[in-house]
Amino acid sequence: MRKLKLEELGRVSTEEYKNIEKIPVVVVLDNIRSMHNVGAVFRTADAFLIEKVYLCGITATPPHKEIHKTAIGATESVDWEYEENALNLIEKLRKDNYSIVCIEQVENSISFPEYEVDPSRKYAIVMGNEVDGVQQEIIDKTDVCLEIPQSGTKHSLNVSVCTGIVLWKWYEAFLQK
């Protein structure tokens, strides 16, 4: 095996990326404190052709050097929008026929591996605050809450790591359709 050089990776330009068909998934970041997490989500959204990232509440918005450190330019390729009130956004997305999916530990959550993505539907994936998680009023408006099984001493994953795991499942489902 030989490690590929940057020019061998077949990367597209930001302009070309804007014209590539995206999968019908948006990510809602609600009250994310860490700009490094925000940047990492942008980078993952770019990798998996996510339609848009919504930044809500206290979540910082580009341009910002701390976001750029981990996004490394993905804030330029991935469409994004700031919406102060995540609950209002969720209601708007529902009217636009998005299925609302929260990633949160709740009563009667569905284990992440058991959830089947329907590639014919549009999805809004809601990721909550690093300490408090997804707000209860948003959980009350969601279609499903998914929980990633974990076996260690910690009871949660970093929000950017969790987002990467979740978005891979959607990306894979849409590639197979």
Protein backbone atom coordinates (compact mmCIF):
# COMPACT_ATOMS: atom_id res chain seq x y z
CA MET A 1 0.00 0.00 0.00
CA ARG A 2 1.04 3.57 -0.65
CA LYS A 3 -0.43 6.66 0.92
CA LEU A 4 -2.12 8.83 -1.69
CA LYS A 5 -0.90 12.33 -2.37
CA LEU A 6 -3.31 15.22 -2.00
CA GLU A 7 -3.57 15.70 -5.76
CA GLU A 8 -4.51 12.01 -6.18
CA LEU A 9 -7.60 12.24 -3.97
CA GLY A 10 -9.89 13.61 -6.70
CA ARG A 11 -11.25 16.41 -4.55
CA VAL A 12 -13.65 18.86 -6.13
CA SER A 13 -13.48 22.62 -5.86
CA THR A 14 -15.91 24.56 -3.69
CA GLU A 15 -17.69 25.72 -6.85
CA GLU A 16 -18.00 22.15 -8.15
CA TYR A 17 -19.17 20.97 -4.72
CA LYS A 18 -22.00 23.53 -4.72
CA ASN A 19 -23.38 21.88 -7.89
CA ILE A 20 -23.21 18.27 -6.65
CA GLU A 21 -26.56 16.77 -5.64
CA LYS A 22 -26.85 16.64 -1.85
CA ILE A 23 -28.64 14.06 0.22
CA PRO A 24 -31.91 15.40 1.71
CA VAL A 25 -30.57 15.74 5.25
CA VAL A 26 -30.09 18.87 7.33
CA VAL A 27 -28.27 19.04 10.64
CA VAL A 28 -29.65 21.24 13.41
CA LEU A 29 -27.03 22.27 15.96
CA ASP A 30 -28.89 23.60 18.97
CA ASN A 31 -26.91 25.57 21.55
CA ILE A 32 -23.52 24.01 20.78
CA ARG A 33 -20.92 25.72 22.98
CA SER A 34 -17.69 24.60 21.34
CA MET A 35 -16.68 26.23 18.09
CA HIS A 36 -14.39 23.26 17.46
CA ASN A 37 -17.47 21.01 17.50
CA VAL A 38 -19.26 23.36 15.10
CA GLY A 39 -16.30 23.29 12.72
CA ALA A 40 -16.03 19.50 12.90
CA VAL A 41 -19.72 19.14 12.03
CA PHE A 42 -19.25 21.38 8.99
CA ARG A 43 -16.33 19.23 7.84
CA THR A 44 -18.37 16.04 8.26
CA ALA A 45 -21.37 17.62 6.50
CA ASP A 46 -19.08 18.42 3.56
CA ALA A 47 -17.73 14.85 3.43
CA PHE A 48 -21.20 13.29 3.41
CA LEU A 49 -22.95 15.75 1.03
CA ILE A 50 -25.35 17.10 3.64
CA GLU A 51 -27.89 19.61 2.32
CA LYS A 52 -27.49 22.24 5.04
CA VAL A 53 -26.42 22.96 8.60
CA TYR A 54 -28.63 25.09 10.84
CA LEU A 55 -26.99 26.89 13.75
CA CYS A 56 -29.38 27.74 16.58
CA GLY A 57 -29.34 29.51 19.92
CA ILE A 58 -25.86 30.15 21.32
CA THR A 59 -24.17 28.18 18.53
CA ALA A 60 -21.46 30.34 16.99
CA THR A 61 -21.57 31.17 13.30
CA PRO A 62 -18.85 31.54 10.69
CA PRO A 63 -16.64 33.29 9.99
CA HIS A 64 -14.63 32.61 13.11
CA LYS A 65 -11.05 31.35 13.44
CA GLU A 66 -12.00 28.71 16.04
CA ILE A 67 -14.64 27.23 13.70
CA HIS A 68 -12.26 27.43 10.75
CA LYS A 69 -9.59 25.41 12.63
CA THR A 70 -11.65 22.25 12.38
CA ALA A 71 -13.88 23.09 9.40
CA ILE A 72 -10.84 23.86 7.21
CA GLY A 73 -12.99 25.61 4.62
CA ALA A 74 -16.18 23.55 4.86
CA THR A 75 -18.11 26.63 6.01
CA GLU A 76 -17.63 27.84 2.43
CA SER A 77 -18.84 24.64 0.75
CA VAL A 78 -21.72 23.60 3.03
CA ASP A 79 -24.85 25.73 3.02
CA TRP A 80 -25.73 27.02 6.47
CA GLU A 81 -28.16 29.34 8.16
CA TYR A 82 -28.57 30.81 11.62
CA GLU A 83 -31.98 30.45 13.28
CA GLU A 84 -32.19 31.81 16.81
CA ASN A 85 -35.05 29.60 17.96
CA ALA A 86 -34.57 25.88 17.25
CA LEU A 87 -38.19 25.05 18.07
CA ASN A 88 -39.43 27.48 15.40
CA LEU A 89 -37.00 25.91 12.96
CA ILE A 90 -38.23 22.39 13.78
CA GLU A 91 -41.82 23.47 13.11
CA LYS A 92 -40.75 25.01 9.78
CA LEU A 93 -38.83 21.88 8.77
CA ARG A 94 -41.81 19.69 9.66
CA LYS A 95 -44.02 21.83 7.37
CA ASP A 96 -41.42 21.24 4.66
CA ASN A 97 -41.89 17.46 5.13
CA TYR A 98 -38.70 16.72 7.00
CA SER A 99 -38.77 13.84 9.46
CA ILE A 100 -37.37 15.16 12.74
CA VAL A 101 -34.79 12.87 14.33
CA CYS A 102 -33.16 13.72 17.67
CA ILE A 103 -30.04 11.99 18.84
CA GLU A 104 -30.69 11.78 22.56
CA GLN A 105 -31.06 9.39 25.48
CA VAL A 106 -34.79 9.31 26.27
CA GLU A 107 -37.41 6.85 27.41
CA ASN A 108 -38.37 4.58 24.52
CA SER A 109 -35.50 5.70 22.30
CA ILE A 110 -34.64 3.46 19.38
CA SER A 111 -31.21 1.89 19.39
CA PHE A 112 -29.25 3.49 16.55
CA PRO A 113 -28.26 0.20 14.82
CA GLU A 114 -31.92 -0.87 14.67
CA TYR A 115 -33.14 2.28 12.89
CA GLU A 116 -33.80 1.98 9.17
CA VAL A 117 -33.21 5.11 7.09
CA ASP A 118 -35.76 5.59 4.29
CA PRO A 119 -33.78 7.20 1.45
CA SER A 120 -36.99 8.51 -0.12
CA ARG A 121 -37.60 10.86 2.85
CA LYS A 122 -36.07 14.14 3.99
CA TYR A 123 -34.53 14.25 7.46
CA ALA A 124 -33.58 16.88 10.02
CA ILE A 125 -31.03 15.51 12.49
CA VAL A 126 -31.06 17.46 15.77
CA MET A 127 -27.92 17.57 17.90
CA GLY A 128 -28.09 19.21 21.32
CA ASN A 129 -25.89 21.06 23.76
CA GLU A 130 -22.74 19.31 25.01
CA VAL A 131 -23.98 19.32 28.63
CA ASP A 132 -27.78 19.48 28.52
CA GLY A 133 -28.47 17.65 25.25
CA VAL A 134 -31.55 18.29 23.12
CA GLN A 135 -34.14 20.55 24.72
CA GLN A 136 -37.24 18.72 26.00
CA GLU A 137 -39.59 20.94 23.98
CA ILE A 138 -37.80 19.83 20.82
CA ILE A 139 -37.93 16.19 21.91
CA ASP A 140 -41.70 16.67 22.34
CA LYS A 141 -41.92 17.68 18.64
CA THR A 142 -39.67 14.97 17.24
CA ASP A 143 -40.65 11.93 15.20
CA VAL A 144 -38.03 9.65 16.71
CA CYS A 145 -35.14 9.74 19.18
CA LEU A 146 -32.16 7.55 18.44
CA GLU A 147 -29.60 6.46 20.98
CA ILE A 148 -26.15 5.18 20.13
CA PRO A 149 -25.37 2.18 22.37
CA GLN A 150 -22.29 2.63 24.55
CA SER A 151 -20.58 0.34 27.02
CA GLY A 152 -17.95 2.45 28.74
CA THR A 153 -17.99 4.57 31.88
CA LYS A 154 -19.15 7.68 30.02
CA HIS A 155 -22.76 8.05 29.03
CA SER A 156 -22.34 10.23 25.98
CA LEU A 157 -20.12 10.90 22.99
CA ASN A 158 -18.69 14.22 21.91
CA VAL A 159 -21.33 15.94 19.77
CA SER A 160 -19.10 16.14 16.70
CA VAL A 161 -18.14 12.45 16.96
CA CYS A 162 -21.78 11.51 17.43
CA THR A 163 -22.79 13.60 14.42
CA GLY A 164 -20.20 11.83 12.29
CA ILE A 165 -21.49 8.41 13.27
CA VAL A 166 -25.08 9.43 12.58
CA LEU A 167 -24.44 11.14 9.25
CA TRP A 168 -22.50 8.15 7.95
CA LYS A 169 -25.63 6.01 8.34
CA TRP A 170 -27.70 8.45 6.28
CA TYR A 171 -24.96 8.87 3.66
CA GLU A 172 -24.63 5.13 3.27
CA ALA A 173 -28.41 4.68 2.91
CA PHE A 174 -28.62 7.33 0.20
CA LEU A 175 -25.64 5.88 -1.68
CA GLN A 176 -27.41 2.52 -1.82
CA LYS A 177 -30.70 3.83 -3.19
